[in-house]
Amino acid sequence: MSRRRALGLGGAGAAAVLLGTGAWNAAGAFAAPRAGGVFTLGIASGDPTPDGVVLWTRLATDPFAVDGKGGMPDRPVRVAYEVAVDERFRGVVRRGSVVATPSLGHSVHPEIRGLAPDREYFYRFRVGDEISQAGRTRTMPAQHSNPRELNFAFASCQAWQDGYFTAYDHMAAEDLDFVVHLGDYLYESGVRTNRRGVQTDPRFHTETFDLARYRLQYSLYKTEAPLQNAHARHPFITTFDDHEVENNWAGDLSQADTEPDQDPAVFRRRRADAFQAMYENLPLRRAQMPTGPDIHMHRRLTYGKLADLTMLDTRSYRDDQPCGDGNGVDCADRLDPDRTILGAAQRKWLLDGFSRSHARWQILGNQAPLGQTDRDPGPALNVWYDPWDGYVADRDRVLAAAQDRGVRNLVVITGDRHQNYAWDLKRDYADPTSPTVASEFVGTSITSGGDGADMNQDGVNFMAANPHMKFFNAQRGYVRVNVNRERWQSDFRVLPYVQQPGAPVATRASYVVEDRVPGVQEA
């Protein structure tokens, strides 16, 4: 029985079938968690530092329990953990326990400290006599070290109903220091069927509005074997875009529709539930634990003197999209100098970081494309208003500051669009002579949009309308990055299909950025 058909079963029956998802284990093999166990949602690590990492698991004996409690009792459960230097756990360097409480969905986030920098470690959890699969993680290099290279991948947009998560199995096999997830880890919409026409259980049919339903939606995604596999193999650094809450939300405002969350107070309650479920299901630190509808997700991680990774939040502090959202050619409000996608405080923090950093490469983890996307190959400028094209003043401030404050190399990594781009970032897109001041790589989706194509009509239009765009592709996959002291290389790793399992992966194209030479070039 396929894991899609399994979701037509009810309650514990569905969970029992799906417990065969499995994950990478300490011996390097692919092994299933024990049927009826508590580690059905896998394990993970995240946000590495030079001396530590946060570990994660969420206990669930029935991950599809309709009340969102995962089949767990209404009492705390003690969870032990071990961290070792070897995959057989003969050299345990940290051992302890934490308490999984019902109030946080029986999730745990122990923050491990005192580890050696730039070192591989292995970890596992135990509840009673049940031991989880083992995971692998890695710490960052020491702050003042000068690493020779960095290897990571970035991904986004994984609509469950649109295809299989095969890309994550390939990502798990890559030699990476970490994975950056740029948002749309899940989609809030109800799921009645997948692309193959298999009906899901009715509990998944409704859109997500409250905590129990968000928890259930995360379980739908987290029980996917390839996603568990990638989490167990690499530490993840995550942020969110819109679908973790609702499509195209902005600050305290829901998307304009007929749903009850049009009242900002109602939407803030929905956002609080969405953020709590997100925290419960991702390897996030205590600093990212939400307080009601508020969460602090913009943060900076260092990779020695080679790179700084700055993760942005372009949803929580933004003004409403101009001109009623959507796209068009004559929206003057998008040029309003007072409009912001970052908020004043986050923007100041970002630009101050430009001034203080001594890293060779500045990496921005960004949700929606920063570069201008003209949709019309003719004389009109037709852009979407939800990404940075709707907030031109903020874009201009960030890119001008990168040049004026002497950022050596600014590279932006971005999700959202379900397409691959390599393009130059201009100081002022309204000026045809404006200099290139940075580079952006937009990565495609894991599944969203279905199988995709190498080139489509969007690509034809974009390449004709945007001279700063050097590459376009609309297949599914992820981007693999190698950064050294002389250059950055992005490999666009694509799959020929996702609506059937087992697709191979290949590098469709590679683009580089040379040290001190802003802009992208074909490798």
Protein backbone atom coordinates (compact mmCIF):
# COMPACT_ATOMS: atom_id res chain seq x y z
CA MET A 1 0.00 0.00 0.00
CA SER A 2 1.37 3.44 -0.88
CA ARG A 3 1.76 6.02 1.85
CA ARG A 4 -0.80 8.14 0.01
CA ARG A 5 -3.44 5.42 0.29
CA ALA A 6 -2.58 4.96 3.95
CA LEU A 7 -4.13 8.34 4.69
CA GLY A 8 -7.53 6.97 3.73
CA LEU A 9 -7.43 4.92 6.93
CA GLY A 10 -8.57 6.30 10.24
CA GLY A 11 -6.76 7.05 13.50
CA ALA A 12 -4.28 4.46 14.67
CA GLY A 13 -4.72 2.45 11.47
CA ALA A 14 -3.24 5.24 9.37
CA ALA A 15 -0.45 5.77 11.87
CA ALA A 16 0.45 2.10 11.90
CA VAL A 17 0.83 2.00 8.13
CA LEU A 18 2.85 5.20 8.02
CA LEU A 19 5.28 4.14 10.73
CA GLY A 20 7.30 2.48 8.00
CA THR A 21 8.59 5.90 6.91
CA GLY A 22 12.00 5.40 8.47
CA ALA A 23 15.11 7.56 8.64
CA TRP A 24 18.89 7.42 8.42
CA ASN A 25 20.35 5.50 11.34
CA ALA A 26 23.73 5.46 13.07
CA ALA A 27 25.07 2.71 10.84
CA GLY A 28 24.29 4.73 7.73
CA ALA A 29 21.35 2.52 6.75
CA PHE A 30 17.71 3.39 6.14
CA ALA A 31 15.65 1.99 8.99
CA ALA A 32 12.03 2.31 10.09
CA PRO A 33 11.06 3.47 13.58
CA ARG A 34 9.41 0.80 15.65
CA ALA A 35 5.69 0.42 14.92
CA GLY A 36 3.63 1.85 17.77
CA GLY A 37 6.57 3.86 19.06
CA VAL A 38 6.82 7.51 20.03
CA PHE A 39 9.39 8.70 17.44
CA THR A 40 7.02 8.59 14.46
CA LEU A 41 7.80 12.21 13.46
CA GLY A 42 11.54 11.69 13.32
CA ILE A 43 14.40 13.66 14.85
CA ALA A 44 16.32 16.76 13.82
CA SER A 45 19.00 19.27 14.70
CA GLY A 46 19.30 22.93 13.85
CA ASP A 47 20.85 26.38 14.23
CA PRO A 48 24.42 25.16 14.81
CA THR A 49 26.97 27.38 16.56
CA PRO A 50 30.72 26.82 17.05
CA ASP A 51 30.06 25.10 20.39
CA GLY A 52 26.65 23.52 20.02
CA VAL A 53 23.36 22.83 18.30
CA VAL A 54 19.69 22.49 19.16
CA LEU A 55 18.22 18.98 18.96
CA TRP A 56 14.56 18.20 18.32
CA THR A 57 11.95 15.50 18.43
CA ARG A 58 8.21 15.45 19.00
CA LEU A 59 6.63 12.41 20.60
CA ALA A 60 3.56 10.97 18.87
CA THR A 61 2.24 7.43 19.04
CA ASP A 62 -0.64 8.42 16.73
CA PRO A 63 0.54 11.41 14.67
CA PHE A 64 -2.86 11.70 12.94
CA ALA A 65 -4.98 11.94 16.09
CA VAL A 66 -7.69 14.45 15.25
CA ASP A 67 -7.24 16.37 18.51
CA GLY A 68 -3.63 17.20 17.54
CA LYS A 69 -2.21 15.54 20.65
CA GLY A 70 -0.43 12.79 18.73
CA GLY A 71 -1.92 10.03 20.85
CA MET A 72 0.12 11.20 23.85
CA PRO A 73 -1.16 11.36 27.45
CA ASP A 74 -2.08 14.64 29.16
CA ARG A 75 1.05 14.53 31.29
CA PRO A 76 4.74 15.30 30.88
CA VAL A 77 7.10 12.65 29.52
CA ARG A 78 10.83 12.61 30.24
CA VAL A 79 13.05 12.32 27.16
CA ALA A 80 16.74 11.39 27.45
CA TYR A 81 19.32 12.33 24.83
CA GLU A 82 22.91 11.45 24.00
CA VAL A 83 25.48 13.18 21.80
CA ALA A 84 28.55 11.26 20.66
CA VAL A 85 31.57 11.70 18.43
CA ASP A 86 30.96 8.36 16.72
CA GLU A 87 27.96 6.69 15.12
CA ARG A 88 28.11 3.72 17.54
CA PHE A 89 27.87 6.04 20.57
CA ARG A 90 31.02 4.70 22.19
CA GLY A 91 32.29 8.22 22.70
CA VAL A 92 29.37 10.01 24.34
CA VAL A 93 30.25 13.65 25.13
CA ARG A 94 26.87 14.97 26.29
CA ARG A 95 24.07 13.16 28.04
CA GLY A 96 20.96 14.57 29.67
CA SER A 97 17.18 14.69 29.70
CA VAL A 98 14.37 17.14 29.06
CA VAL A 99 10.63 17.05 29.69
CA ALA A 100 8.13 16.89 26.83
CA THR A 101 4.94 18.64 27.94
CA PRO A 102 1.40 18.57 26.51
CA SER A 103 1.46 22.38 26.26
CA LEU A 104 4.14 22.15 23.54
CA GLY A 105 2.74 19.09 21.79
CA HIS A 106 5.27 16.83 23.57
CA SER A 107 8.11 18.38 21.59
CA VAL A 108 11.59 18.91 23.03
CA HIS A 109 14.36 21.29 21.97
CA PRO A 110 17.46 20.62 24.10
CA GLU A 111 20.21 23.14 23.37
CA ILE A 112 23.57 21.38 23.49
CA ARG A 113 26.65 23.42 24.42
CA GLY A 114 30.33 22.75 25.04
CA LEU A 115 30.99 20.90 21.77
CA ALA A 116 34.08 21.34 19.64
CA PRO A 117 33.84 23.67 16.63
CA ASP A 118 33.65 22.40 13.05
CA ARG A 119 33.02 18.84 14.20
CA GLU A 120 30.63 16.07 13.23
CA TYR A 121 28.47 14.59 16.00
CA PHE A 122 25.77 11.96 16.33
CA TYR A 123 22.71 12.12 18.57
CA ARG A 124 19.69 10.08 19.61
CA PHE A 125 16.76 10.17 22.04
CA ARG A 126 15.26 7.64 24.45
CA VAL A 127 11.86 7.35 26.09
CA GLY A 128 11.63 4.42 28.48
CA ASP A 129 13.19 1.48 26.65
CA GLU A 130 12.59 2.93 23.17
CA ILE A 131 15.56 4.51 21.40
CA SER A 132 15.11 6.76 18.38
CA GLN A 133 17.00 6.43 15.14
CA ALA A 134 20.34 8.25 15.30
CA GLY A 135 21.00 11.56 13.63
CA ARG A 136 24.09 13.31 12.39
CA THR A 137 24.82 16.98 12.96
CA ARG A 138 27.73 19.39 12.71
CA THR A 139 28.91 22.47 14.59
CA MET A 140 30.03 25.70 12.94
CA PRO A 141 33.72 26.66 12.72
CA ALA A 142 35.18 28.84 15.46
CA GLN A 143 34.19 32.49 15.11
CA HIS A 144 37.67 33.79 14.26
CA SER A 145 38.76 30.82 12.16
CA ASN A 146 39.20 31.07 8.41
CA PRO A 147 37.54 28.00 6.86
CA ARG A 148 38.55 26.98 3.36
CA GLU A 149 35.00 26.26 2.21
CA LEU A 150 31.33 25.92 3.11
CA ASN A 151 28.87 23.45 1.60
CA PHE A 152 25.13 23.79 2.11
CA ALA A 153 21.81 23.44 0.31
CA PHE A 154 18.68 25.55 0.37
CA ALA A 155 15.08 24.61 -0.30
CA SER A 156 11.51 25.84 0.05
CA CYS A 157 7.87 25.20 -0.86
CA GLN A 158 6.83 21.60 -0.26
CA ALA A 159 3.09 21.23 -0.89
CA TRP A 160 2.29 17.66 0.17
CA GLN A 161 -0.49 17.19 -2.36
CA ASP A 162 1.67 18.25 -5.31
CA GLY A 163 4.17 15.42 -5.28
CA TYR A 164 6.66 13.18 -3.51
CA PHE A 165 9.46 14.58 -1.35
CA THR A 166 12.11 12.64 -3.28
CA ALA A 167 14.41 15.67 -3.44
CA TYR A 168 15.09 15.29 0.27
CA ASP A 169 16.50 11.78 -0.19
CA HIS A 170 18.99 13.22 -2.68
CA MET A 171 19.74 16.13 -0.34
CA ALA A 172 20.42 13.68 2.48
CA ALA A 173 23.06 12.00 0.31
CA GLU A 174 24.91 15.29 -0.28
CA ASP A 175 28.03 16.23 1.70
CA LEU A 176 26.69 19.34 3.44
CA ASP A 177 27.43 21.42 6.51
CA PHE A 178 23.77 22.41 6.89
CA VAL A 179 20.47 22.96 5.04
CA VAL A 180 18.65 26.29 4.88
CA HIS A 181 14.86 26.11 4.57
CA LEU A 182 13.43 29.41 3.33
CA GLY A 183 9.74 28.90 4.02
CA ASP A 184 6.49 27.22 3.02
CA TYR A 185 7.55 24.16 4.99
CA LEU A 186 3.87 23.30 4.85
CA TYR A 187 0.73 24.68 3.21
CA GLU A 188 -2.30 25.67 5.23
CA SER A 189 -4.89 24.56 2.69
CA GLY A 190 -7.03 21.48 3.10
CA VAL A 191 -5.88 18.32 1.34
CA ARG A 192 -8.61 16.25 -0.28
CA THR A 193 -6.52 14.39 -2.83
CA ASN A 194 -3.00 14.19 -4.16
CA ARG A 195 -1.95 14.49 -7.80
CA ARG A 196 -2.66 10.80 -8.35
CA GLY A 197 -6.28 11.14 -7.26
CA VAL A 198 -5.96 9.27 -3.95
CA GLN A 199 -8.49 10.57 -1.43
CA THR A 200 -7.24 11.57 2.00
CA ASP A 201 -9.00 11.09 5.31
CA PRO A 202 -11.72 13.75 5.93
CA ARG A 203 -9.76 15.20 8.86
CA PHE A 204 -7.33 16.71 6.31
CA HIS A 205 -10.01 18.30 4.10
CA THR A 206 -10.45 21.57 5.98
CA GLU A 207 -8.08 24.53 5.91
CA THR A 208 -5.90 24.97 8.99
CA PHE A 209 -7.19 27.56 11.46
CA ASP A 210 -6.43 26.32 14.99
CA LEU A 211 -3.64 24.61 16.89
CA ALA A 212 -4.99 21.06 16.64
CA ARG A 213 -5.37 21.36 12.87
CA TYR A 214 -1.92 22.94 12.38
CA ARG A 215 -0.41 20.10 14.41
CA LEU A 216 -2.23 17.59 12.22
CA GLN A 217 -0.96 19.29 9.06
CA TYR A 218 2.62 19.16 10.34
CA SER A 219 2.18 15.45 11.05
CA LEU A 220 1.07 14.92 7.46
CA TYR A 221 4.34 16.45 6.26
CA LYS A 222 6.67 15.21 9.01
CA THR A 223 5.80 11.53 8.45
CA GLU A 224 7.29 11.70 4.94
CA ALA A 225 10.37 9.46 4.88
CA PRO A 226 12.61 11.66 2.69
CA LEU A 227 12.00 14.72 4.89
CA GLN A 228 12.83 12.71 8.01
CA ASN A 229 15.90 11.40 6.24
CA ALA A 230 17.24 14.88 5.42
CA HIS A 231 16.57 16.17 8.93
CA ALA A 232 18.39 13.24 10.48
CA ARG A 233 21.38 13.71 8.19
CA HIS A 234 21.93 17.51 8.30
CA PRO A 235 21.25 20.37 10.71
CA PHE A 236 18.54 22.70 9.39
CA ILE A 237 18.38 26.49 9.64
CA THR A 238 14.77 27.54 9.04
CA THR A 239 12.54 30.53 8.62
CA PHE A 240 8.96 30.88 7.38
CA ASP A 241 7.14 32.55 4.51
CA ASP A 242 3.36 32.84 4.24
CA HIS A 243 1.86 29.35 4.01
CA GLU A 244 2.96 28.34 7.50
CA VAL A 245 0.12 30.68 8.51
CA GLU A 246 -1.94 31.75 5.48
CA ASN A 247 -1.27 32.73 1.88
CA ASN A 248 0.08 36.31 1.47
CA TRP A 249 -0.53 37.45 5.03
CA ALA A 250 1.09 40.72 6.06
CA GLY A 251 1.74 41.72 9.68
CA ASP A 252 -1.58 41.62 11.53
CA LEU A 253 -3.57 41.31 8.32
CA SER A 254 -4.96 38.13 6.81
CA GLN A 255 -5.31 37.68 3.09
CA ALA A 256 -8.43 39.45 1.86
CA ASP A 257 -11.16 36.80 1.59
CA THR A 258 -14.43 35.77 3.27
CA GLU A 259 -12.88 33.84 6.16
CA PRO A 260 -13.50 34.88 9.79
CA ASP A 261 -9.86 35.91 10.30
CA GLN A 262 -10.48 39.18 8.45
CA ASP A 263 -10.78 40.61 11.96
CA PRO A 264 -7.13 41.33 12.96
CA ALA A 265 -7.77 40.02 16.47
CA VAL A 266 -9.01 36.71 15.06
CA PHE A 267 -6.06 36.55 12.68
CA ARG A 268 -3.61 37.15 15.54
CA ARG A 269 -5.08 34.12 17.34
CA ARG A 270 -4.67 32.07 14.17
CA ARG A 271 -1.07 33.29 13.81
CA ALA A 272 -0.35 32.37 17.43
CA ASP A 273 -1.56 28.81 16.83
CA ALA A 274 0.40 28.55 13.58
CA PHE A 275 3.63 29.78 15.19
CA GLN A 276 3.24 27.45 18.16
CA ALA A 277 2.78 24.46 15.85
CA MET A 278 5.77 25.57 13.79
CA TYR A 279 7.95 25.81 16.90
CA GLU A 280 6.74 22.40 18.08
CA ASN A 281 7.73 20.75 14.80
CA LEU A 282 11.07 22.36 13.90
CA PRO A 283 14.56 22.39 15.46
CA LEU A 284 14.33 25.96 16.75
CA ARG A 285 16.03 27.46 19.79
CA ARG A 286 14.32 28.91 22.84
CA ALA A 287 14.97 32.39 21.41
CA GLN A 288 12.55 31.50 18.60
CA MET A 289 9.76 30.28 20.90
CA PRO A 290 6.69 32.41 20.05
CA THR A 291 4.88 34.59 22.52
CA GLY A 292 1.30 34.47 21.35
CA PRO A 293 1.22 35.81 17.77
CA ASP A 294 4.77 37.19 17.94
CA ILE A 295 8.00 35.39 17.10
CA HIS A 296 11.61 36.49 16.68
CA MET A 297 12.94 34.65 13.64
CA HIS A 298 15.47 37.09 12.16
CA ARG A 299 18.87 36.03 13.39
CA ARG A 300 22.47 35.76 12.27
CA LEU A 301 24.73 32.69 12.21
CA THR A 302 28.45 32.79 11.49
CA TYR A 303 30.66 30.38 9.58
CA GLY A 304 34.02 31.61 10.83
CA LYS A 305 35.36 34.53 8.82
CA LEU A 306 34.18 32.96 5.58
CA ALA A 307 30.46 33.74 5.76
CA ASP A 308 27.67 35.30 7.79
CA LEU A 309 24.17 33.89 7.24
CA THR A 310 21.42 36.39 8.05
CA MET A 311 17.92 34.93 8.19
CA LEU A 312 15.15 37.44 7.49
CA ASP A 313 11.47 37.68 8.42
CA THR A 314 9.63 39.42 5.58
CA ARG A 315 6.10 38.70 6.90
CA SER A 316 5.74 39.79 10.53
CA TYR A 317 6.69 43.46 10.23
CA ARG A 318 5.62 44.39 6.70
CA ASP A 319 2.99 46.86 5.57
CA ASP A 320 0.02 45.47 3.69
CA GLN A 321 0.70 44.70 0.05
CA PRO A 322 0.07 47.76 -2.15
CA CYS A 323 -2.79 48.13 -4.60
CA GLY A 324 -4.79 45.21 -3.28
CA ASP A 325 -1.98 42.65 -3.77
CA GLY A 326 -1.78 40.73 -7.06
CA ASN A 327 0.20 42.32 -9.88
CA GLY A 328 -0.04 45.18 -12.33
CA VAL A 329 1.67 47.99 -14.19
CA ASP A 330 0.52 51.24 -12.58
CA CYS A 331 0.76 50.88 -8.79
CA ALA A 332 2.35 54.07 -7.50
CA ASP A 333 2.00 52.93 -3.86
CA ARG A 334 4.71 50.34 -4.31
CA LEU A 335 7.18 53.25 -4.66
CA ASP A 336 6.07 54.94 -1.41
CA PRO A 337 9.29 55.67 0.56
CA ASP A 338 7.52 54.88 3.85
CA ARG A 339 6.42 51.37 2.85
CA THR A 340 8.41 48.52 4.40
CA ILE A 341 8.69 44.76 4.04
CA LEU A 342 11.22 44.42 6.89
CA GLY A 343 10.00 46.93 9.46
CA ALA A 344 12.27 49.71 10.69
CA ALA A 345 13.85 47.75 13.55
CA GLN A 346 14.73 44.66 11.50
CA ARG A 347 16.05 46.82 8.65
CA LYS A 348 18.34 48.74 11.04
CA TRP A 349 19.55 45.44 12.52
CA LEU A 350 20.29 44.12 9.02
CA LEU A 351 22.18 47.21 7.87
CA ASP A 352 24.11 47.51 11.14
CA GLY A 353 25.18 43.93 10.56
CA PHE A 354 26.58 44.92 7.18
CA SER A 355 28.78 47.47 8.92
CA ARG A 356 29.98 45.24 11.73
CA SER A 357 30.66 42.02 9.86
CA HIS A 358 34.16 41.00 8.80
CA ALA A 359 32.99 37.94 6.86
CA ARG A 360 34.05 37.52 3.25
CA TRP A 361 30.54 36.52 2.15
CA GLN A 362 27.25 38.02 3.39
CA ILE A 363 24.37 35.59 2.80
CA LEU A 364 20.76 36.71 3.20
CA GLY A 365 18.18 33.97 3.79
CA ASN A 366 15.18 35.64 2.16
CA GLN A 367 11.63 34.47 1.49
CA ALA A 368 10.39 36.13 -1.74
CA PRO A 369 12.49 37.43 -4.67
CA LEU A 370 14.43 40.60 -3.97
CA GLY A 371 15.27 41.31 -7.62
CA GLN A 372 12.80 42.95 -9.98
CA THR A 373 10.57 40.51 -11.90
CA ASP A 374 9.05 42.18 -14.92
CA ARG A 375 6.34 39.90 -16.32
CA ASP A 376 5.90 41.82 -19.59
CA PRO A 377 8.57 41.58 -22.32
CA GLY A 378 7.12 44.76 -23.85
CA PRO A 379 7.57 48.34 -22.65
CA ALA A 380 5.25 48.01 -19.62
CA LEU A 381 6.65 47.10 -16.20
CA ASN A 382 4.31 44.45 -14.78
CA VAL A 383 5.33 43.14 -11.35
CA TRP A 384 3.88 41.22 -8.41
CA TYR A 385 3.21 43.28 -5.29
CA ASP A 386 3.76 40.65 -2.58
CA PRO A 387 7.58 40.27 -2.95
CA TRP A 388 10.11 43.11 -2.76
CA ASP A 389 8.74 44.61 -6.01
CA GLY A 390 5.86 45.86 -3.83
CA TYR A 391 8.30 47.50 -1.42
CA VAL A 392 10.78 49.25 -3.68
CA ALA A 393 12.11 51.73 -1.10
CA ASP A 394 13.16 48.96 1.28
CA ARG A 395 14.88 47.09 -1.55
CA ASP A 396 16.74 50.20 -2.62
CA ARG A 397 17.84 50.93 0.96
CA VAL A 398 19.22 47.43 1.47
CA LEU A 399 21.08 47.26 -1.84
CA ALA A 400 22.44 50.81 -1.53
CA ALA A 401 23.66 50.06 1.98
CA ALA A 402 25.46 46.93 0.79
CA GLN A 403 27.47 49.07 -1.61
CA ASP A 404 27.87 52.14 0.60
CA ARG A 405 28.93 50.17 3.69
CA GLY A 406 31.50 48.19 1.78
CA VAL A 407 29.99 44.70 1.87
CA ARG A 408 32.57 42.57 0.13
CA ASN A 409 30.15 40.03 -1.35
CA LEU A 410 26.37 40.06 -0.84
CA VAL A 411 24.52 36.97 -2.06
CA VAL A 412 20.79 36.50 -1.48
CA ILE A 413 19.21 33.04 -1.39
CA THR A 414 15.47 32.97 -1.92
CA GLY A 415 12.49 30.64 -2.20
CA ASP A 416 8.76 31.17 -2.90
CA ARG A 417 8.64 31.30 -6.70
CA HIS A 418 8.71 27.53 -7.57
CA GLN A 419 11.32 28.42 -10.19
CA ASN A 420 15.11 28.61 -10.40
CA TYR A 421 16.75 31.96 -11.20
CA ALA A 422 20.30 33.29 -11.24
CA TRP A 423 20.33 37.06 -11.58
CA ASP A 424 22.09 40.32 -10.76
CA LEU A 425 20.80 42.72 -8.13
CA LYS A 426 20.83 46.37 -9.21
CA ARG A 427 21.15 49.35 -6.92
CA ASP A 428 18.21 51.02 -8.69
CA TYR A 429 16.15 49.08 -11.23
CA ALA A 430 14.55 52.33 -12.45
CA ASP A 431 17.95 53.42 -13.78
CA PRO A 432 19.21 51.35 -16.75
CA THR A 433 22.80 52.40 -15.95
CA SER A 434 22.57 51.40 -12.29
CA PRO A 435 25.45 49.20 -11.13
CA THR A 436 25.16 45.58 -10.07
CA VAL A 437 25.76 45.52 -6.30
CA ALA A 438 24.86 41.93 -5.32
CA SER A 439 23.69 38.54 -6.59
CA GLU A 440 20.56 36.49 -5.99
CA PHE A 441 19.84 32.80 -6.44
CA VAL A 442 16.14 31.92 -6.35
CA GLY A 443 15.55 28.24 -5.69
CA THR A 444 12.65 26.19 -6.98
CA SER A 445 10.19 24.19 -4.88
CA ILE A 446 10.55 20.70 -3.44
CA THR A 447 7.10 19.77 -4.85
CA SER A 448 4.87 22.83 -5.20
CA GLY A 449 3.56 23.16 -8.74
CA GLY A 450 3.90 19.49 -9.65
CA ASP A 451 6.42 18.11 -12.11
CA GLY A 452 7.37 21.42 -13.73
CA ALA A 453 9.37 21.99 -16.90
CA ASP A 454 12.81 23.12 -17.92
CA MET A 455 11.34 26.16 -19.70
CA ASN A 456 7.79 27.53 -19.74
CA GLN A 457 6.06 30.72 -20.84
CA ASP A 458 7.03 32.49 -17.61
CA GLY A 459 10.64 31.77 -18.43
CA VAL A 460 10.34 33.03 -21.98
CA ASN A 461 8.75 36.27 -20.76
CA PHE A 462 11.17 36.75 -17.85
CA MET A 463 14.31 36.21 -19.90
CA ALA A 464 13.07 38.71 -22.48
CA ALA A 465 11.93 41.32 -19.95
CA ASN A 466 14.69 41.15 -17.32
CA PRO A 467 18.23 41.69 -18.66
CA HIS A 468 19.60 41.06 -15.18
CA MET A 469 18.26 37.47 -15.31
CA LYS A 470 20.91 35.02 -16.50
CA PHE A 471 19.17 31.68 -15.89
CA PHE A 472 15.63 30.30 -15.58
CA ASN A 473 14.31 26.80 -14.93
CA ALA A 474 10.94 25.57 -13.60
CA GLN A 475 11.62 21.99 -12.50
CA ARG A 476 11.48 20.83 -8.89
CA GLY A 477 14.52 20.36 -6.64
CA TYR A 478 16.93 22.39 -4.52
CA VAL A 479 20.13 24.41 -4.81
CA ARG A 480 23.49 23.07 -3.65
CA VAL A 481 26.09 25.70 -2.77
CA ASN A 482 29.87 25.57 -2.43
CA VAL A 483 31.56 28.72 -1.09
CA ASN A 484 35.30 29.19 -0.80
CA ARG A 485 37.56 32.21 -0.46
CA GLU A 486 37.64 32.93 -4.20
CA ARG A 487 34.12 32.17 -5.43
CA TRP A 488 30.57 31.05 -4.75
CA GLN A 489 29.01 28.28 -6.86
CA SER A 490 25.30 27.40 -6.98
CA ASP A 491 24.34 24.08 -8.55
CA PHE A 492 20.66 23.88 -9.52
CA ARG A 493 19.76 20.28 -8.65
CA VAL A 494 16.54 19.27 -10.42
CA LEU A 495 14.24 16.25 -10.67
CA PRO A 496 12.42 15.30 -13.90
CA TYR A 497 9.22 14.53 -11.98
CA VAL A 498 7.73 14.50 -8.47
CA GLN A 499 4.25 13.12 -9.12
CA GLN A 500 5.76 9.62 -9.06
CA PRO A 501 8.29 8.45 -6.47
CA GLY A 502 11.90 7.59 -7.16
CA ALA A 503 12.99 10.39 -9.49
CA PRO A 504 16.74 10.79 -10.13
CA VAL A 505 18.49 14.11 -9.57
CA ALA A 506 20.86 16.00 -11.87
CA THR A 507 22.61 19.35 -11.96
CA ARG A 508 20.76 21.43 -14.55
CA ALA A 509 23.18 24.38 -14.43
CA SER A 510 25.85 25.96 -12.25
CA TYR A 511 26.41 29.68 -11.72
CA VAL A 512 29.17 31.40 -9.82
CA VAL A 513 29.94 34.69 -8.12
CA GLU A 514 33.60 35.68 -8.03
CA ASP A 515 35.06 37.31 -4.91
CA ARG A 516 34.60 41.11 -5.09
CA VAL A 517 32.77 40.86 -8.45
CA PRO A 518 29.02 41.32 -7.84
CA GLY A 519 26.74 39.51 -10.26
CA VAL A 520 26.28 35.95 -11.49
CA GLN A 521 28.22 34.16 -14.22
CA GLU A 522 27.71 30.75 -15.79
CA ALA A 523 30.25 28.26 -14.45
